[in-house]
Amino acid sequence: MRVLAVDPGLTRCGVGVVDGVPGRKLSLVEVGVIRTPSGDPTPRRLVAVEDEMRQWFARHRPEAVAIERVFADTNVSTVMGTAQVTGIVMIMAERLGLPVTLHTPTEVKAAVSGNGRADKAQVTTMVTRLLGLDTPPKPADAADALALAICHVWRGGTQSRLETARLEELARSGRRGSGIPRRVPPGAAPPVQRLRAATTQPTRTGPTTRPHPGAQPR
């Protein structure tokens, strides 16, 4: 599976592409950082990020996209830029029909280093080791993007396959006419209650007619 991971940011946006499957050696495809001048208007900066991200998608044709989840921060402008870049990447992935998964920083750290509170130096060291790199990826945004990609291969990829298998099993069960419960009309008793009521009602062998009071027998 090829994963394109993005550590979103308006000034520095880390991007990494990794090939791999759970339980096997991972390989680096490309890593880099998209930069935009802080003095430029925000719309111009967003267009610049979109232009470069389009090249990343076209160049590597990923099978899945992973993005770091945005959290509130005291620096509102930083959060806004991060959220805006996240939106751009999500739209591009959706138009290409690619699944998008958001991972929290704690989830990524735990997946890569085994410690959800690991610092950037520890994460970079583990990324370097797991990908078999000669030198640590720099800057930190690049290392974070690769850590995100590794996390998705190990966690998101497994979850995706499990979900696909579940849906396929439901589809097969549906074709056999079993496995998918029928919809109960609003206000109707649950199936168990309906079955119990049916088995406790007396069985009638045929229609019965009571004579009207005062009627003469024929």
C-alpha atoms as a PDB file:
ATOM      1  CA  MET A   1       0.000   0.000   0.000  1.00  0.00           C
ATOM      2  CA  ARG A   2       1.252   3.457  -0.877  1.00  0.00           C
ATOM      3  CA  VAL A   3       0.351   6.185   1.609  1.00  0.00           C
ATOM      4  CA  LEU A   4       0.690   9.914   1.099  1.00  0.00           C
ATOM      5  CA  ALA A   5       0.822  11.603   4.499  1.00  0.00           C
ATOM      6  CA  VAL A   6       0.515  15.302   5.232  1.00  0.00           C
ATOM      7  CA  ASP A   7       1.556  17.239   8.320  1.00  0.00           C
ATOM      8  CA  PRO A   8      -0.549  20.302   7.455  1.00  0.00           C
ATOM      9  CA  GLY A   9       0.690  23.850   7.836  1.00  0.00           C
ATOM     10  CA  LEU A  10       0.531  27.061   5.878  1.00  0.00           C
ATOM     11  CA  THR A  11       4.154  28.149   6.370  1.00  0.00           C
ATOM     12  CA  ARG A  12       5.601  24.611   6.310  1.00  0.00           C
ATOM     13  CA  CYS A  13       3.575  21.622   5.173  1.00  0.00           C
ATOM     14  CA  GLY A  14       5.322  18.286   5.574  1.00  0.00           C
ATOM     15  CA  VAL A  15       4.592  15.647   2.922  1.00  0.00           C
ATOM     16  CA  GLY A  16       5.781  12.064   2.891  1.00  0.00           C
ATOM     17  CA  VAL A  17       5.080   9.016   0.754  1.00  0.00           C
ATOM     18  CA  VAL A  18       5.744   5.524   2.087  1.00  0.00           C
ATOM     19  CA  ASP A  19       5.241   2.034   0.644  1.00  0.00           C
ATOM     20  CA  GLY A  20       4.536  -0.900   2.905  1.00  0.00           C
ATOM     21  CA  VAL A  21       2.166  -3.358   4.525  1.00  0.00           C
ATOM     22  CA  PRO A  22       1.810  -4.310   8.205  1.00  0.00           C
ATOM     23  CA  GLY A  23       4.460  -6.735   9.363  1.00  0.00           C
ATOM     24  CA  ARG A  24       6.913  -6.035   6.545  1.00  0.00           C
ATOM     25  CA  LYS A  25       9.725  -3.593   5.950  1.00  0.00           C
ATOM     26  CA  LEU A  26       8.641  -0.101   4.971  1.00  0.00           C
ATOM     27  CA  SER A  27      10.283   1.910   2.218  1.00  0.00           C
ATOM     28  CA  LEU A  28      10.554   5.648   1.664  1.00  0.00           C
ATOM     29  CA  VAL A  29       9.318   6.936  -1.685  1.00  0.00           C
ATOM     30  CA  GLU A  30       9.728  10.682  -1.208  1.00  0.00           C
ATOM     31  CA  VAL A  31       9.615  13.262   1.536  1.00  0.00           C
ATOM     32  CA  GLY A  32       9.589  17.039   1.419  1.00  0.00           C
ATOM     33  CA  VAL A  33       8.173  20.272   2.776  1.00  0.00           C
ATOM     34  CA  ILE A  34       5.907  22.730   0.959  1.00  0.00           C
ATOM     35  CA  ARG A  35       6.697  26.285   2.017  1.00  0.00           C
ATOM     36  CA  THR A  36       4.806  29.516   1.443  1.00  0.00           C
ATOM     37  CA  PRO A  37       5.963  33.078   2.304  1.00  0.00           C
ATOM     38  CA  SER A  38       4.321  34.359   5.462  1.00  0.00           C
ATOM     39  CA  GLY A  39       4.044  37.827   3.908  1.00  0.00           C
ATOM     40  CA  ASP A  40       1.839  36.681   1.025  1.00  0.00           C
ATOM     41  CA  PRO A  41      -1.980  36.907   1.216  1.00  0.00           C
ATOM     42  CA  THR A  42      -3.578  33.744   2.552  1.00  0.00           C
ATOM     43  CA  PRO A  43      -5.495  32.922  -0.672  1.00  0.00           C
ATOM     44  CA  ARG A  44      -2.248  33.069  -2.668  1.00  0.00           C
ATOM     45  CA  ARG A  45      -0.524  30.806  -0.158  1.00  0.00           C
ATOM     46  CA  LEU A  46      -3.364  28.278  -0.271  1.00  0.00           C
ATOM     47  CA  VAL A  47      -3.206  28.190  -4.072  1.00  0.00           C
ATOM     48  CA  ALA A  48       0.546  27.553  -3.864  1.00  0.00           C
ATOM     49  CA  VAL A  49      -0.018  24.631  -1.484  1.00  0.00           C
ATOM     50  CA  GLU A  50      -2.721  23.217  -3.743  1.00  0.00           C
ATOM     51  CA  ASP A  51      -0.496  23.459  -6.832  1.00  0.00           C
ATOM     52  CA  GLU A  52       2.333  21.551  -5.176  1.00  0.00           C
ATOM     53  CA  MET A  53       0.024  18.981  -3.588  1.00  0.00           C
ATOM     54  CA  ARG A  54      -1.464  18.267  -7.010  1.00  0.00           C
ATOM     55  CA  GLN A  55       2.040  17.424  -8.244  1.00  0.00           C
ATOM     56  CA  TRP A  56       2.579  15.057  -5.322  1.00  0.00           C
ATOM     57  CA  PHE A  57      -0.658  13.210  -6.093  1.00  0.00           C
ATOM     58  CA  ALA A  58       0.111  12.987  -9.806  1.00  0.00           C
ATOM     59  CA  ARG A  59       3.719  11.929  -9.285  1.00  0.00           C
ATOM     60  CA  HIS A  60       3.102   9.129  -6.768  1.00  0.00           C
ATOM     61  CA  ARG A  61      -0.531   8.024  -7.249  1.00  0.00           C
ATOM     62  CA  PRO A  62      -1.110   7.011  -3.608  1.00  0.00           C
ATOM     63  CA  GLU A  63      -3.709   4.466  -2.526  1.00  0.00           C
ATOM     64  CA  ALA A  64      -4.552   6.255   0.718  1.00  0.00           C
ATOM     65  CA  VAL A  65      -4.092   9.649   2.341  1.00  0.00           C
ATOM     66  CA  ALA A  66      -3.272  10.288   6.001  1.00  0.00           C
ATOM     67  CA  ILE A  67      -3.488  13.713   7.632  1.00  0.00           C
ATOM     68  CA  GLU A  68      -2.582  14.813  11.125  1.00  0.00           C
ATOM     69  CA  ARG A  69      -5.699  15.831  13.030  1.00  0.00           C
ATOM     70  CA  VAL A  70      -5.922  19.522  13.893  1.00  0.00           C
ATOM     71  CA  PHE A  71      -6.189  20.498  17.543  1.00  0.00           C
ATOM     72  CA  ALA A  72      -7.065  23.850  19.104  1.00  0.00           C
ATOM     73  CA  ASP A  73      -4.089  25.983  20.021  1.00  0.00           C
ATOM     74  CA  THR A  74      -3.469  29.320  21.635  1.00  0.00           C
ATOM     75  CA  ASN A  75      -2.202  30.610  18.291  1.00  0.00           C
ATOM     76  CA  VAL A  76      -5.447  31.024  16.362  1.00  0.00           C
ATOM     77  CA  SER A  77      -3.756  32.014  13.101  1.00  0.00           C
ATOM     78  CA  THR A  78      -1.672  28.829  13.126  1.00  0.00           C
ATOM     79  CA  VAL A  79      -4.729  26.664  13.702  1.00  0.00           C
ATOM     80  CA  MET A  80      -6.627  28.420  10.928  1.00  0.00           C
ATOM     81  CA  GLY A  81      -3.829  27.869   8.416  1.00  0.00           C
ATOM     82  CA  THR A  82      -3.499  24.222   9.424  1.00  0.00           C
ATOM     83  CA  ALA A  83      -7.231  23.658   9.060  1.00  0.00           C
ATOM     84  CA  GLN A  84      -7.302  25.370   5.665  1.00  0.00           C
ATOM     85  CA  VAL A  85      -4.496  23.200   4.316  1.00  0.00           C
ATOM     86  CA  THR A  86      -6.204  20.115   5.737  1.00  0.00           C
ATOM     87  CA  GLY A  87      -9.343  21.024   3.818  1.00  0.00           C
ATOM     88  CA  ILE A  88      -7.421  21.416   0.562  1.00  0.00           C
ATOM     89  CA  VAL A  89      -5.815  17.983   0.895  1.00  0.00           C
ATOM     90  CA  MET A  90      -9.111  16.332   1.821  1.00  0.00           C
ATOM     91  CA  ILE A  91     -10.884  17.839  -1.196  1.00  0.00           C
ATOM     92  CA  MET A  92      -8.128  16.725  -3.569  1.00  0.00           C
ATOM     93  CA  ALA A  93      -8.156  13.188  -2.169  1.00  0.00           C
ATOM     94  CA  GLU A  94     -11.941  12.975  -2.362  1.00  0.00           C
ATOM     95  CA  ARG A  95     -11.948  14.063  -6.000  1.00  0.00           C
ATOM     96  CA  LEU A  96      -9.495  11.270  -6.751  1.00  0.00           C
ATOM     97  CA  GLY A  97     -11.593   8.739  -4.873  1.00  0.00           C
ATOM     98  CA  LEU A  98      -8.915   8.124  -2.241  1.00  0.00           C
ATOM     99  CA  PRO A  99      -9.719   7.228   1.378  1.00  0.00           C
ATOM    100  CA  VAL A 100      -8.672   9.874   3.915  1.00  0.00           C
ATOM    101  CA  THR A 101      -7.810   9.119   7.538  1.00  0.00           C
ATOM    102  CA  LEU A 102      -7.009  11.573  10.324  1.00  0.00           C
ATOM    103  CA  HIS A 103      -4.545  10.489  13.006  1.00  0.00           C
ATOM    104  CA  THR A 104      -3.863  12.329  16.249  1.00  0.00           C
ATOM    105  CA  PRO A 105      -0.282  13.254  17.191  1.00  0.00           C
ATOM    106  CA  THR A 106      -0.499  10.951  20.209  1.00  0.00           C
ATOM    107  CA  GLU A 107      -1.617   8.053  18.025  1.00  0.00           C
ATOM    108  CA  VAL A 108       1.265   8.649  15.622  1.00  0.00           C
ATOM    109  CA  LYS A 109       3.867   8.847  18.395  1.00  0.00           C
ATOM    110  CA  ALA A 110       2.574   5.677  20.023  1.00  0.00           C
ATOM    111  CA  ALA A 111       2.570   3.775  16.728  1.00  0.00           C
ATOM    112  CA  VAL A 112       6.110   4.780  15.796  1.00  0.00           C
ATOM    113  CA  SER A 113       7.900   4.842  19.155  1.00  0.00           C
ATOM    114  CA  GLY A 114       5.585   3.003  21.517  1.00  0.00           C
ATOM    115  CA  ASN A 115       5.231   6.156  23.609  1.00  0.00           C
ATOM    116  CA  GLY A 116       2.378   8.582  23.023  1.00  0.00           C
ATOM    117  CA  ARG A 117       4.396  11.317  24.742  1.00  0.00           C
ATOM    118  CA  ALA A 118       7.599  10.913  22.738  1.00  0.00           C
ATOM    119  CA  ASP A 119       9.356  14.131  21.730  1.00  0.00           C
ATOM    120  CA  LYS A 120      10.252  15.094  18.166  1.00  0.00           C
ATOM    121  CA  ALA A 121      13.814  13.823  18.513  1.00  0.00           C
ATOM    122  CA  GLN A 122      12.602  10.360  19.532  1.00  0.00           C
ATOM    123  CA  VAL A 123      10.070  10.260  16.695  1.00  0.00           C
ATOM    124  CA  THR A 124      12.720  11.293  14.162  1.00  0.00           C
ATOM    125  CA  THR A 125      15.100   8.616  15.442  1.00  0.00           C
ATOM    126  CA  MET A 126      12.467   5.897  15.082  1.00  0.00           C
ATOM    127  CA  VAL A 127      11.412   7.078  11.629  1.00  0.00           C
ATOM    128  CA  THR A 128      15.056   6.960  10.509  1.00  0.00           C
ATOM    129  CA  ARG A 129      15.436   3.443  11.855  1.00  0.00           C
ATOM    130  CA  LEU A 130      12.136   2.062  10.564  1.00  0.00           C
ATOM    131  CA  LEU A 131      12.705   3.352   7.031  1.00  0.00           C
ATOM    132  CA  GLY A 132      16.399   2.403   7.010  1.00  0.00           C
ATOM    133  CA  LEU A 133      17.539   5.933   6.203  1.00  0.00           C
ATOM    134  CA  ASP A 134      21.173   6.976   6.243  1.00  0.00           C
ATOM    135  CA  THR A 135      20.390  10.391   7.709  1.00  0.00           C
ATOM    136  CA  PRO A 136      17.423  11.678   9.744  1.00  0.00           C
ATOM    137  CA  PRO A 137      14.774  13.497   7.676  1.00  0.00           C
ATOM    138  CA  LYS A 138      14.752  17.258   8.204  1.00  0.00           C
ATOM    139  CA  PRO A 139      13.085  19.528   9.115  1.00  0.00           C
ATOM    140  CA  ALA A 140      10.777  18.173  11.804  1.00  0.00           C
ATOM    141  CA  ASP A 141       7.741  18.651   9.545  1.00  0.00           C
ATOM    142  CA  ALA A 142       9.190  16.116   7.095  1.00  0.00           C
ATOM    143  CA  ALA A 143       9.871  13.589   9.852  1.00  0.00           C
ATOM    144  CA  ASP A 144       6.350  14.092  11.223  1.00  0.00           C
ATOM    145  CA  ALA A 145       4.839  13.395   7.792  1.00  0.00           C
ATOM    146  CA  LEU A 146       6.796  10.139   7.498  1.00  0.00           C
ATOM    147  CA  ALA A 147       5.777   9.124  11.018  1.00  0.00           C
ATOM    148  CA  LEU A 148       2.175   9.754  10.023  1.00  0.00           C
ATOM    149  CA  ALA A 149       2.555   7.562   6.934  1.00  0.00           C
ATOM    150  CA  ILE A 150       4.098   4.749   8.987  1.00  0.00           C
ATOM    151  CA  CYS A 151       1.282   5.005  11.511  1.00  0.00           C
ATOM    152  CA  HIS A 152      -1.305   4.704   8.774  1.00  0.00           C
ATOM    153  CA  VAL A 153       0.336   1.682   7.174  1.00  0.00           C
ATOM    154  CA  TRP A 154       0.424  -0.125  10.513  1.00  0.00           C
ATOM    155  CA  ARG A 155      -2.959   0.971  11.857  1.00  0.00           C
ATOM    156  CA  GLY A 156      -5.111   2.557   9.196  1.00  0.00           C
ATOM    157  CA  GLY A 157      -4.260  -0.059   6.606  1.00  0.00           C
ATOM    158  CA  THR A 158      -5.296  -2.893   8.891  1.00  0.00           C
ATOM    159  CA  GLN A 159      -8.537  -1.144   9.826  1.00  0.00           C
ATOM    160  CA  SER A 160      -9.306  -0.513   6.172  1.00  0.00           C
ATOM    161  CA  ARG A 161      -8.893  -4.184   5.249  1.00  0.00           C
ATOM    162  CA  LEU A 162     -11.039  -5.285   8.177  1.00  0.00           C
ATOM    163  CA  GLU A 163     -13.787  -2.887   7.145  1.00  0.00           C
ATOM    164  CA  THR A 164     -13.602  -4.085   3.539  1.00  0.00           C
ATOM    165  CA  ALA A 165     -13.835  -7.712   4.652  1.00  0.00           C
ATOM    166  CA  ARG A 166     -16.817  -6.898   6.862  1.00  0.00           C
ATOM    167  CA  LEU A 167     -18.674  -5.173   4.028  1.00  0.00           C
ATOM    168  CA  GLU A 168     -17.944  -8.043   1.638  1.00  0.00           C
ATOM    169  CA  GLU A 169     -19.285 -10.550   4.167  1.00  0.00           C
ATOM    170  CA  LEU A 170     -22.445  -8.495   4.628  1.00  0.00           C
ATOM    171  CA  ALA A 171     -22.889  -8.330   0.861  1.00  0.00           C
ATOM    172  CA  ARG A 172     -22.539 -12.112   0.536  1.00  0.00           C
ATOM    173  CA  SER A 173     -24.995 -12.676   3.369  1.00  0.00           C
ATOM    174  CA  GLY A 174     -27.439 -10.301   1.738  1.00  0.00           C
ATOM    175  CA  ARG A 175     -27.324 -12.223  -1.542  1.00  0.00           C
ATOM    176  CA  ARG A 176     -28.169 -15.432   0.346  1.00  0.00           C
ATOM    177  CA  GLY A 177     -31.172 -13.731   1.887  1.00  0.00           C
ATOM    178  CA  SER A 178     -29.814 -13.968   5.438  1.00  0.00           C
ATOM    179  CA  GLY A 179     -27.428 -12.158   7.709  1.00  0.00           C
ATOM    180  CA  ILE A 180     -28.984  -8.725   7.244  1.00  0.00           C
ATOM    181  CA  PRO A 181     -32.026  -8.187   9.478  1.00  0.00           C
ATOM    182  CA  ARG A 182     -35.203  -6.958   7.870  1.00  0.00           C
ATOM    183  CA  ARG A 183     -36.410  -3.524   8.802  1.00  0.00           C
ATOM    184  CA  VAL A 184     -39.191  -3.517  11.414  1.00  0.00           C
ATOM    185  CA  PRO A 185     -41.996  -1.023  10.693  1.00  0.00           C
ATOM    186  CA  PRO A 186     -42.326   1.839  13.215  1.00  0.00           C
ATOM    187  CA  GLY A 187     -44.489   0.842  16.188  1.00  0.00           C
ATOM    188  CA  ALA A 188     -44.303  -2.870  15.433  1.00  0.00           C
ATOM    189  CA  ALA A 189     -43.377  -5.300  18.188  1.00  0.00           C
ATOM    190  CA  PRO A 190     -39.884  -6.773  18.119  1.00  0.00           C
ATOM    191  CA  PRO A 191     -39.567 -10.109  16.245  1.00  0.00           C
ATOM    192  CA  VAL A 192     -39.166 -12.121  19.456  1.00  0.00           C
ATOM    193  CA  GLN A 193     -42.372 -10.695  20.928  1.00  0.00           C
ATOM    194  CA  ARG A 194     -44.286 -11.285  17.697  1.00  0.00           C
ATOM    195  CA  LEU A 195     -43.102 -14.897  17.600  1.00  0.00           C
ATOM    196  CA  ARG A 196     -44.060 -15.460  21.251  1.00  0.00           C
ATOM    197  CA  ALA A 197     -47.505 -13.992  20.685  1.00  0.00           C
ATOM    198  CA  ALA A 198     -48.065 -16.171  17.639  1.00  0.00           C
ATOM    199  CA  THR A 199     -47.147 -19.386  19.461  1.00  0.00           C
ATOM    200  CA  THR A 200     -49.409 -18.662  22.461  1.00  0.00           C
ATOM    201  CA  GLN A 201     -52.604 -17.851  20.485  1.00  0.00           C
ATOM    202  CA  PRO A 202     -55.165 -20.680  20.224  1.00  0.00           C
ATOM    203  CA  THR A 203     -55.333 -22.470  16.932  1.00  0.00           C
ATOM    204  CA  ARG A 204     -58.638 -22.254  15.070  1.00  0.00           C
ATOM    205  CA  THR A 205     -59.742 -25.154  12.912  1.00  0.00           C
ATOM    206  CA  GLY A 206     -62.323 -23.166  11.013  1.00  0.00           C
ATOM    207  CA  PRO A 207     -64.771 -20.272  11.187  1.00  0.00           C
ATOM    208  CA  THR A 208     -67.425 -20.397  13.940  1.00  0.00           C
ATOM    209  CA  THR A 209     -70.800 -18.599  14.006  1.00  0.00           C
ATOM    210  CA  ARG A 210     -72.752 -17.896  17.159  1.00  0.00           C
ATOM    211  CA  PRO A 211     -76.552 -17.981  16.817  1.00  0.00           C
ATOM    212  CA  HIS A 212     -78.346 -14.673  17.261  1.00  0.00           C
ATOM    213  CA  PRO A 213     -80.446 -14.535  20.446  1.00  0.00           C
ATOM    214  CA  GLY A 214     -84.042 -15.461  19.615  1.00  0.00           C
ATOM    215  CA  ALA A 215     -83.234 -16.961  16.271  1.00  0.00           C
ATOM    216  CA  GLN A 216     -85.132 -20.111  15.354  1.00  0.00           C
ATOM    217  CA  PRO A 217     -83.124 -23.172  14.477  1.00  0.00           C
ATOM    218  CA  ARG A 218     -83.335 -24.201  10.853  1.00  0.00           C
END
